[in-house]
Amino acid sequence: MATAPTDTAAPPVSGRGRSVVRVGLVLLVAAGVVLVWVHGRAIIRAGGDLHLRGGAVLTGAVHPLVSVRVLLPLVVAAAGVLWGPSLARRLRWPWLLTVTTVGAAAWAVALALTSGWGRLAEPMTSKHEYLADVGRVHGFGRLLSTFVDSVPVGTPGQWATHVAGHPPGALLSFALLDRIGLGGPGWAAVLCIAGGALSVTAVLVTVRVIGGEPAARTVAPFAVLFPGAVWIATSPDAYFAGVTAWGVALLALAASRRVPGVAHLQALGGGLLLGLSLYLSFGLGAAGFLALAVVLVQTRSVGRVVRVLAVAAAGVLAVAAVFTLGGYWWFEGITVDAQRVRDGAAFDDRVAHVHYFFLANAAAAAIAAGPAVVAGLAGIRGRLLWLPLAALAGMAVSDASGLVLGETERIWLPFLVWLLPATASLPPRSHRFWLALSALLAVTVEVLVRSPW
């Protein structure tokens, strides 16, 4: 497959000038995050109820947990910083994708293990998570036809918090694992970690199609040492990220293909995955920005754009038809879920501080994205620019909904991985510096903040 020429170079200004802009933007964002953190603490001290669990990245108690286990992510980070850029340049493309996937998974696992050897699967055992209700699934049709009945606050047999807050696709995924003999928190953790690791692979595939292979090779080490990996092991949102990312990647591949049959299969596959993502999380409807971006920037042929989007839409509608015929109507689900959020614990108090959440959501996302991404955003241009722009648009829609009140460091993982292409604009001589800074941020957050994910 022919790849597009790299078009991520910064405008013609001096190298020192570009470096100043990058560092200045990172410092500005860092200052904003600190101000949001101070503001949140002030609200809590004044008696405000933000109703965030103790491990939320901006409001959780700072509780350092330092042991010999912290050496594990430090060793992985050192290997990524020292050898990542050179390996990314030398490895054959299939091997690079394999190494990136394994490396991303290893990084997420290494970070999680700093809190204890039993920590990896522990988040999946929470009473708020999907596994708490897996035993209640007694058939696809029965679940779908009765799902919304147990969503409203206070109803008999109310679903666990995360089950009630999402469409039934996520619960069905974990129930399916259980039915095929892979039940329990360990296998659920494997699904989440695999989804997170495969999401960054999908991003690389898409970057190669849109921005060229050199750009994808530049992004690869940053995709491995992604600070958001703190919330990949083990948050179901990482699984959602993997499904969504490969849906977008398949659409990018379809738009670049000259052979109609192959393009149609890829577009259909992308549509099916994006359709499934709608039944994993309501917020992933905003992933439509990413789907449109990768198709529109990849071809100037109106006919090809229409064909790819039409076939992808058929895939989305096929998934919707299965769930609808089973008895679950997506639009009813999102309406009931929105009302559930409004009726939930401390919602009035949280809405009273909605201005804080607008800023805190963005600040938490900035921490998960990391300084390398922020620095890269200062210089990225050309067709690759549309990937982070589409991701930012998706997060902006989520923020503006007023229904996402905190925890965006994990909730927005499906969008945050699409900010990674910004690192393609970083000059080679600075790669190790930005890699080290991003890895250090991730380790610091993991050591200081006791996250429930």
Protein backbone atom coordinates (compact mmCIF):
# COMPACT_ATOMS: atom_id res chain seq x y z
CA MET A 1 0.00 0.00 0.00
CA ALA A 2 1.33 3.39 -0.91
CA THR A 3 1.65 5.77 1.97
CA ALA A 4 1.15 9.48 2.00
CA PRO A 5 4.15 11.77 2.26
CA THR A 6 4.96 13.07 5.67
CA ASP A 7 3.45 16.52 6.13
CA THR A 8 3.96 17.27 9.78
CA ALA A 9 6.84 19.71 9.61
CA ALA A 10 6.40 22.90 11.52
CA PRO A 11 6.20 26.30 9.79
CA PRO A 12 9.53 27.82 8.76
CA VAL A 13 10.77 29.34 11.97
CA SER A 14 14.03 28.74 13.73
CA GLY A 15 14.58 25.53 15.66
CA ARG A 16 15.18 27.51 18.83
CA GLY A 17 11.96 29.45 18.28
CA ARG A 18 9.94 26.26 17.87
CA SER A 19 11.50 24.83 21.04
CA VAL A 20 10.57 27.94 22.98
CA VAL A 21 6.97 27.67 21.76
CA ARG A 22 6.79 23.99 22.75
CA VAL A 23 8.24 24.51 26.20
CA GLY A 24 6.10 27.59 26.72
CA LEU A 25 2.92 25.68 25.84
CA VAL A 26 3.83 22.80 28.17
CA LEU A 27 4.53 25.22 31.03
CA LEU A 28 1.27 27.07 30.36
CA VAL A 29 -0.74 23.85 30.43
CA ALA A 30 1.11 22.67 33.56
CA ALA A 31 0.30 25.95 35.29
CA GLY A 32 -3.35 25.55 34.31
CA VAL A 33 -3.44 22.02 35.75
CA VAL A 34 -1.95 23.27 39.04
CA LEU A 35 -4.51 26.07 39.25
CA VAL A 36 -7.36 23.60 38.66
CA TRP A 37 -5.92 21.32 41.35
CA VAL A 38 -5.73 24.22 43.83
CA HIS A 39 -9.27 25.29 42.95
CA GLY A 40 -10.61 21.76 43.51
CA ARG A 41 -8.91 21.53 46.88
CA ALA A 42 -10.41 24.87 47.87
CA ILE A 43 -13.92 23.66 46.97
CA ILE A 44 -13.47 20.52 49.07
CA ARG A 45 -12.07 22.46 52.05
CA ALA A 46 -15.09 24.77 51.87
CA GLY A 47 -17.42 21.77 52.18
CA GLY A 48 -18.30 21.35 48.51
CA ASP A 49 -19.16 17.82 47.42
CA LEU A 50 -17.57 16.96 44.07
CA HIS A 51 -18.50 13.31 44.62
CA LEU A 52 -15.28 11.99 43.15
CA ARG A 53 -13.75 8.82 44.44
CA GLY A 54 -10.58 9.25 46.45
CA GLY A 55 -8.28 8.28 43.62
CA ALA A 56 -9.44 10.84 41.05
CA VAL A 57 -6.24 12.30 39.69
CA LEU A 58 -6.95 15.93 40.64
CA THR A 59 -8.83 15.51 43.92
CA GLY A 60 -7.51 12.30 45.41
CA ALA A 61 -5.39 12.42 48.52
CA VAL A 62 -1.69 12.46 47.78
CA HIS A 63 -0.53 9.22 49.33
CA PRO A 64 2.93 8.16 48.12
CA LEU A 65 3.45 4.42 47.88
CA VAL A 66 7.11 3.81 47.21
CA SER A 67 8.61 0.33 47.20
CA VAL A 68 11.10 -1.69 45.23
CA ARG A 69 8.28 -2.37 42.75
CA VAL A 70 8.64 1.14 41.37
CA LEU A 71 11.82 -0.09 39.70
CA LEU A 72 9.69 -2.09 37.26
CA PRO A 73 8.13 0.87 35.40
CA LEU A 74 11.41 2.77 35.70
CA VAL A 75 13.23 -0.05 33.91
CA VAL A 76 10.55 -0.22 31.19
CA ALA A 77 10.69 3.57 30.82
CA ALA A 78 14.49 3.59 30.62
CA ALA A 79 14.40 0.93 27.90
CA GLY A 80 11.81 2.90 25.97
CA VAL A 81 13.73 6.16 26.26
CA LEU A 82 17.13 4.69 25.39
CA TRP A 83 16.20 2.27 22.64
CA GLY A 84 12.67 3.18 21.58
CA PRO A 85 13.48 5.82 18.95
CA SER A 86 16.26 3.77 17.31
CA LEU A 87 14.17 0.58 17.27
CA ALA A 88 11.27 2.50 15.77
CA ARG A 89 13.51 3.58 12.91
CA ARG A 90 15.07 0.16 12.23
CA LEU A 91 12.40 -2.50 12.77
CA ARG A 92 10.38 -3.77 9.86
CA TRP A 93 6.86 -2.41 9.95
CA PRO A 94 5.05 -5.60 11.09
CA TRP A 95 7.63 -6.11 13.84
CA LEU A 96 7.31 -2.49 14.90
CA LEU A 97 3.56 -2.91 15.36
CA THR A 98 4.12 -6.08 17.37
CA VAL A 99 6.79 -4.53 19.59
CA THR A 100 4.67 -1.42 20.11
CA THR A 101 1.65 -3.47 21.18
CA VAL A 102 3.67 -5.61 23.59
CA GLY A 103 5.55 -2.57 24.88
CA ALA A 104 2.35 -0.61 25.53
CA ALA A 105 0.87 -3.55 27.45
CA ALA A 106 4.08 -4.03 29.44
CA TRP A 107 4.17 -0.32 30.32
CA ALA A 108 0.57 -0.36 31.57
CA VAL A 109 1.14 -3.52 33.61
CA ALA A 110 4.43 -2.24 35.06
CA LEU A 111 2.74 0.95 36.23
CA ALA A 112 -0.13 -0.94 37.85
CA LEU A 113 2.18 -3.33 39.69
CA THR A 114 3.88 -0.50 41.57
CA SER A 115 0.84 -0.51 43.87
CA GLY A 116 1.16 -4.22 44.62
CA TRP A 117 1.41 -7.57 42.90
CA GLY A 118 -2.31 -8.20 43.36
CA ARG A 119 -3.26 -4.78 42.05
CA LEU A 120 -3.55 -5.72 38.37
CA ALA A 121 -7.01 -7.29 38.43
CA GLU A 122 -8.20 -5.64 41.65
CA PRO A 123 -10.16 -2.78 39.99
CA MET A 124 -12.36 -5.30 38.21
CA THR A 125 -13.57 -6.72 41.54
CA SER A 126 -15.20 -3.46 42.64
CA LYS A 127 -18.92 -3.52 43.37
CA HIS A 128 -19.24 -0.64 40.90
CA GLU A 129 -17.78 -2.58 37.95
CA TYR A 130 -19.27 -4.85 35.30
CA LEU A 131 -18.27 -8.17 36.84
CA ALA A 132 -20.62 -7.51 39.75
CA ASP A 133 -23.58 -8.03 37.39
CA VAL A 134 -22.26 -10.68 35.01
CA GLY A 135 -24.15 -13.36 36.92
CA ARG A 136 -27.43 -11.56 36.16
CA VAL A 137 -27.07 -12.05 32.40
CA HIS A 138 -29.35 -14.93 31.37
CA GLY A 139 -29.63 -14.54 27.65
CA PHE A 140 -28.99 -11.81 25.05
CA GLY A 141 -32.62 -10.97 24.29
CA ARG A 142 -33.75 -11.00 27.89
CA LEU A 143 -30.96 -8.64 28.93
CA LEU A 144 -31.59 -6.18 26.11
CA SER A 145 -35.37 -6.09 26.51
CA THR A 146 -35.21 -5.40 30.26
CA PHE A 147 -31.91 -3.49 30.54
CA VAL A 148 -33.27 0.04 30.95
CA ASP A 149 -35.68 -1.08 33.68
CA SER A 150 -32.78 -1.37 36.14
CA VAL A 151 -31.00 1.85 35.16
CA PRO A 152 -32.96 4.58 37.06
CA VAL A 153 -31.76 5.46 40.54
CA GLY A 154 -33.61 3.58 43.26
CA THR A 155 -35.22 0.95 41.05
CA PRO A 156 -35.36 -2.62 42.41
CA GLY A 157 -32.33 -4.56 41.28
CA GLN A 158 -30.51 -1.45 40.07
CA TRP A 159 -27.43 -2.24 38.03
CA ALA A 160 -23.93 -1.61 39.37
CA THR A 161 -22.77 1.97 38.81
CA HIS A 162 -20.81 1.43 35.61
CA VAL A 163 -23.32 -0.99 34.14
CA ALA A 164 -26.15 1.49 34.68
CA GLY A 165 -24.09 4.32 33.21
CA HIS A 166 -23.41 2.59 29.89
CA PRO A 167 -25.26 0.75 27.15
CA PRO A 168 -25.45 -3.05 27.58
CA GLY A 169 -22.59 -3.87 25.19
CA ALA A 170 -19.92 -3.68 27.87
CA LEU A 171 -21.76 -5.98 30.27
CA LEU A 172 -22.40 -8.38 27.39
CA SER A 173 -18.68 -8.41 26.55
CA PHE A 174 -17.70 -9.50 30.03
CA ALA A 175 -20.60 -11.95 30.20
CA LEU A 176 -19.40 -13.50 26.93
CA LEU A 177 -15.92 -13.92 28.38
CA ASP A 178 -17.48 -15.70 31.32
CA ARG A 179 -19.56 -17.98 29.07
CA ILE A 180 -16.53 -19.18 27.11
CA GLY A 181 -14.67 -20.08 30.27
CA LEU A 182 -12.65 -16.88 30.70
CA GLY A 183 -14.59 -15.45 33.61
CA GLY A 184 -13.28 -13.59 36.63
CA PRO A 185 -11.26 -10.41 37.17
CA GLY A 186 -8.03 -11.79 35.69
CA TRP A 187 -9.43 -12.34 32.21
CA ALA A 188 -11.41 -9.12 32.40
CA ALA A 189 -8.14 -7.32 33.12
CA VAL A 190 -6.54 -9.03 30.11
CA LEU A 191 -9.34 -7.74 27.88
CA CYS A 192 -8.87 -4.17 29.14
CA ILE A 193 -5.08 -4.20 28.81
CA ALA A 194 -5.25 -5.77 25.35
CA GLY A 195 -7.75 -3.15 24.24
CA GLY A 196 -5.55 -0.32 25.45
CA ALA A 197 -2.41 -1.75 23.87
CA LEU A 198 -4.12 -2.44 20.55
CA SER A 199 -5.56 1.07 20.48
CA VAL A 200 -2.11 2.60 20.12
CA THR A 201 -1.29 0.10 17.36
CA ALA A 202 -4.41 1.24 15.50
CA VAL A 203 -3.25 4.84 15.88
CA LEU A 204 0.10 3.97 14.29
CA VAL A 205 -1.61 2.24 11.37
CA THR A 206 -3.75 5.33 10.82
CA VAL A 207 -0.81 7.72 11.10
CA ARG A 208 1.07 5.69 8.50
CA VAL A 209 -1.87 5.94 6.09
CA ILE A 210 -2.44 9.66 6.58
CA GLY A 211 0.98 11.09 7.43
CA GLY A 212 3.45 8.54 6.08
CA GLU A 213 5.56 5.81 7.62
CA PRO A 214 8.30 8.12 8.98
CA ALA A 215 5.66 9.96 11.00
CA ALA A 216 4.25 6.68 12.35
CA ARG A 217 7.73 5.52 13.34
CA THR A 218 8.25 8.78 15.22
CA VAL A 219 5.00 8.35 17.13
CA ALA A 220 5.65 4.69 18.07
CA PRO A 221 7.84 5.21 21.19
CA PHE A 222 5.48 7.89 22.49
CA ALA A 223 2.57 5.50 21.98
CA VAL A 224 4.34 2.94 24.15
CA LEU A 225 5.21 5.34 27.00
CA PHE A 226 1.80 7.03 26.89
CA PRO A 227 1.05 8.51 30.37
CA GLY A 228 -2.59 7.51 29.98
CA ALA A 229 -1.41 3.92 30.47
CA VAL A 230 -1.86 4.60 34.19
CA TRP A 231 -5.59 4.09 33.52
CA ILE A 232 -5.26 1.33 30.92
CA ALA A 233 -4.55 -1.39 33.49
CA THR A 234 -7.29 -1.99 34.26
CA SER A 235 -10.13 0.28 33.17
CA PRO A 236 -12.86 -0.96 30.79
CA ASP A 237 -12.49 2.36 28.98
CA ALA A 238 -9.21 0.96 27.63
CA TYR A 239 -11.19 -1.87 26.04
CA PHE A 240 -13.56 0.71 24.55
CA ALA A 241 -10.53 2.60 23.21
CA GLY A 242 -9.27 -0.48 21.37
CA VAL A 243 -12.61 -1.18 19.68
CA THR A 244 -13.05 2.44 18.63
CA ALA A 245 -9.47 2.91 17.45
CA TRP A 246 -9.54 -0.10 15.15
CA GLY A 247 -12.88 1.04 13.75
CA VAL A 248 -11.27 4.36 12.83
CA ALA A 249 -8.10 2.68 11.51
CA LEU A 250 -10.09 0.40 9.20
CA LEU A 251 -11.91 3.41 7.75
CA ALA A 252 -8.57 5.12 7.10
CA LEU A 253 -7.32 1.99 5.32
CA ALA A 254 -10.54 1.75 3.31
CA ALA A 255 -10.27 5.35 2.16
CA SER A 256 -6.71 4.73 0.94
CA ARG A 257 -7.42 1.51 -0.99
CA ARG A 258 -7.62 1.44 -4.78
CA VAL A 259 -9.21 -2.03 -4.85
CA PRO A 260 -12.96 -1.58 -4.22
CA GLY A 261 -13.57 -5.06 -2.79
CA VAL A 262 -10.89 -4.75 -0.13
CA ALA A 263 -11.90 -1.17 0.64
CA HIS A 264 -15.53 -2.21 1.13
CA LEU A 265 -14.57 -5.02 3.51
CA GLN A 266 -12.41 -2.66 5.54
CA ALA A 267 -15.11 0.01 5.61
CA LEU A 268 -17.68 -2.56 6.70
CA GLY A 269 -15.36 -3.83 9.43
CA GLY A 270 -14.74 -0.29 10.60
CA GLY A 271 -18.46 0.41 10.68
CA LEU A 272 -19.18 -2.74 12.66
CA LEU A 273 -16.57 -1.83 15.27
CA LEU A 274 -17.74 1.76 15.51
CA GLY A 275 -21.31 0.50 15.77
CA LEU A 276 -20.27 -1.77 18.62
CA SER A 277 -18.54 1.15 20.33
CA LEU A 278 -21.88 2.98 20.50
CA TYR A 279 -23.16 0.13 22.66
CA LEU A 280 -20.09 0.19 24.89
CA SER A 281 -20.26 3.86 25.86
CA PHE A 282 -22.75 6.60 24.99
CA GLY A 283 -19.94 9.14 24.74
CA LEU A 284 -18.39 7.30 21.80
CA GLY A 285 -20.99 8.77 19.50
CA ALA A 286 -18.51 11.67 19.34
CA ALA A 287 -16.00 9.28 17.73
CA GLY A 288 -17.85 10.16 14.54
CA PHE A 289 -15.53 13.17 14.32
CA LEU A 290 -12.57 10.80 14.04
CA ALA A 291 -14.32 8.60 11.50
CA LEU A 292 -15.14 11.57 9.30
CA ALA A 293 -11.66 13.04 9.66
CA VAL A 294 -9.74 9.95 8.51
CA VAL A 295 -11.97 9.50 5.47
CA LEU A 296 -12.16 13.13 4.39
CA VAL A 297 -8.43 13.85 4.66
CA GLN A 298 -7.42 10.66 2.88
CA THR A 299 -9.10 11.25 -0.48
CA ARG A 300 -10.31 14.13 -2.62
CA SER A 301 -12.73 11.88 -4.51
CA VAL A 302 -16.29 12.66 -3.45
CA GLY A 303 -17.40 9.32 -4.83
CA ARG A 304 -14.91 7.37 -2.74
CA VAL A 305 -15.81 9.35 0.40
CA VAL A 306 -19.49 8.58 -0.15
CA ARG A 307 -18.82 4.88 -0.81
CA VAL A 308 -16.62 4.40 2.26
CA LEU A 309 -18.99 6.26 4.56
CA ALA A 310 -22.04 4.50 3.12
CA VAL A 311 -20.53 1.04 3.66
CA ALA A 312 -19.36 2.03 7.15
CA ALA A 313 -22.84 3.34 7.93
CA ALA A 314 -24.26 -0.03 6.85
CA GLY A 315 -21.97 -1.68 9.42
CA VAL A 316 -23.09 0.71 12.16
CA LEU A 317 -26.74 0.14 11.29
CA ALA A 318 -26.26 -3.63 11.28
CA VAL A 319 -25.03 -3.52 14.87
CA ALA A 320 -27.84 -1.15 15.83
CA ALA A 321 -30.38 -3.48 14.22
CA VAL A 322 -29.16 -6.44 16.29
CA PHE A 323 -29.49 -4.54 19.57
CA THR A 324 -32.79 -2.93 18.56
CA LEU A 325 -34.39 -6.19 17.49
CA GLY A 326 -33.15 -7.66 20.75
CA GLY A 327 -35.19 -5.05 22.59
CA TYR A 328 -32.73 -2.25 23.38
CA TRP A 329 -33.35 1.18 21.79
CA TRP A 330 -30.18 3.28 22.00
CA PHE A 331 -31.96 6.64 22.14
CA GLU A 332 -34.18 5.50 24.98
CA GLY A 333 -31.08 4.21 26.74
CA ILE A 334 -29.21 7.50 26.58
CA THR A 335 -32.30 9.42 27.73
CA VAL A 336 -32.79 7.16 30.75
CA ASP A 337 -29.07 7.26 31.54
CA ALA A 338 -28.98 11.07 31.41
CA GLN A 339 -31.88 11.20 33.85
CA ARG A 340 -30.08 8.69 36.06
CA VAL A 341 -27.05 11.01 36.20
CA ARG A 342 -29.29 13.94 37.16
CA ASP A 343 -30.93 11.88 39.89
CA GLY A 344 -27.63 10.52 41.17
CA ALA A 345 -25.75 11.18 44.38
CA ALA A 346 -24.67 14.77 44.93
CA PHE A 347 -25.62 15.79 41.37
CA ASP A 348 -26.96 19.16 42.52
CA ASP A 349 -23.74 19.84 44.43
CA ARG A 350 -21.65 18.85 41.43
CA VAL A 351 -23.68 21.00 39.04
CA ALA A 352 -23.17 23.90 41.44
CA HIS A 353 -19.47 23.51 40.61
CA VAL A 354 -19.95 22.72 36.92
CA HIS A 355 -17.48 25.47 36.03
CA TYR A 356 -14.86 23.50 37.93
CA PHE A 357 -15.62 20.31 36.02
CA PHE A 358 -15.37 22.03 32.64
CA LEU A 359 -11.80 22.94 33.54
CA ALA A 360 -10.96 19.84 35.57
CA ASN A 361 -12.02 17.51 32.75
CA ALA A 362 -9.54 19.19 30.44
CA ALA A 363 -6.83 19.26 33.12
CA ALA A 364 -7.20 15.53 33.82
CA ALA A 365 -7.02 14.85 30.09
CA ALA A 366 -3.84 16.94 29.84
CA ILE A 367 -2.22 14.81 32.55
CA ALA A 368 -3.18 11.59 30.75
CA ALA A 369 -1.96 12.93 27.39
CA GLY A 370 1.37 14.03 28.82
CA PRO A 371 3.90 16.75 28.01
CA ALA A 372 5.13 15.18 24.76
CA VAL A 373 1.65 15.41 23.25
CA VAL A 374 1.21 18.99 24.46
CA ALA A 375 4.59 19.95 22.99
CA GLY A 376 3.72 18.20 19.74
CA LEU A 377 0.46 20.11 19.41
CA ALA A 378 2.49 23.30 19.17
CA GLY A 379 4.05 22.18 15.88
CA ILE A 380 1.81 19.68 14.11
CA ARG A 381 0.22 20.70 10.83
CA GLY A 382 -0.88 19.17 7.55
CA ARG A 383 -3.23 16.23 7.31
CA LEU A 384 -2.14 14.68 10.60
CA LEU A 385 -3.40 17.76 12.39
CA TRP A 386 -6.96 16.58 11.80
CA LEU A 387 -6.55 13.54 14.06
CA PRO A 388 -5.91 15.47 17.30
CA LEU A 389 -8.39 18.14 16.21
CA ALA A 390 -11.10 15.49 15.80
CA ALA A 391 -10.20 13.98 19.18
CA LEU A 392 -10.35 17.39 20.85
CA ALA A 393 -13.73 18.02 19.22
CA GLY A 394 -15.02 14.75 20.64
CA MET A 395 -13.81 15.66 24.12
CA ALA A 396 -15.30 19.15 23.80
CA VAL A 397 -18.72 17.69 22.98
CA SER A 398 -18.43 15.38 25.99
CA ASP A 399 -17.44 18.29 28.22
CA ALA A 400 -20.24 20.51 26.92
CA SER A 401 -22.87 17.83 27.61
CA GLY A 402 -22.60 18.56 31.33
CA LEU A 403 -23.01 14.85 32.06
CA VAL A 404 -19.31 14.02 32.37
CA LEU A 405 -18.30 15.33 35.76
CA GLY A 406 -14.76 14.18 36.44
CA GLU A 407 -12.71 11.01 35.86
CA THR A 408 -11.96 11.99 32.27
CA GLU A 409 -8.43 10.65 32.66
CA ARG A 410 -10.04 7.25 31.98
CA ILE A 411 -13.39 8.13 30.36
CA TRP A 412 -11.67 9.95 27.50
CA LEU A 413 -9.06 7.27 26.78
CA PRO A 414 -10.73 6.48 23.39
CA PHE A 415 -10.06 10.10 22.39
CA LEU A 416 -6.76 10.70 24.19
CA VAL A 417 -4.89 8.06 22.16
CA TRP A 418 -5.68 10.13 19.05
CA LEU A 419 -3.67 13.02 20.42
CA LEU A 420 -0.52 10.90 20.10
CA PRO A 421 -0.04 11.76 16.38
CA ALA A 422 0.94 15.25 17.54
CA THR A 423 4.30 13.82 18.65
CA ALA A 424 5.20 13.33 14.98
CA SER A 425 6.07 17.03 14.89
CA LEU A 426 8.76 16.77 17.58
CA PRO A 427 12.34 17.10 16.26
CA PRO A 428 14.45 13.91 16.52
CA ARG A 429 17.02 15.46 18.84
CA SER A 430 14.31 16.09 21.45
CA HIS A 431 12.61 12.68 21.39
CA ARG A 432 14.40 11.19 24.37
CA PHE A 433 13.79 14.29 26.46
CA TRP A 434 10.03 14.30 25.83
CA LEU A 435 9.81 10.52 26.25
CA ALA A 436 11.58 10.71 29.59
CA LEU A 437 9.38 13.59 30.78
CA SER A 438 6.18 11.76 29.81
CA ALA A 439 7.31 8.52 31.47
CA LEU A 440 8.33 10.39 34.62
CA LEU A 441 4.89 12.00 34.80
CA ALA A 442 3.17 8.61 34.54
CA VAL A 443 5.35 7.06 37.26
CA THR A 444 4.82 10.08 39.52
CA VAL A 445 1.03 9.90 39.20
CA GLU A 446 1.04 6.14 39.81
CA VAL A 447 3.21 6.49 42.91
CA LEU A 448 1.45 9.54 44.40
CA VAL A 449 -2.25 8.98 43.66
CA ARG A 450 -4.14 5.85 44.67
CA SER A 451 -6.41 5.42 41.67
CA PRO A 452 -9.31 2.94 41.79
CA TRP A 453 -8.61 1.95 38.16
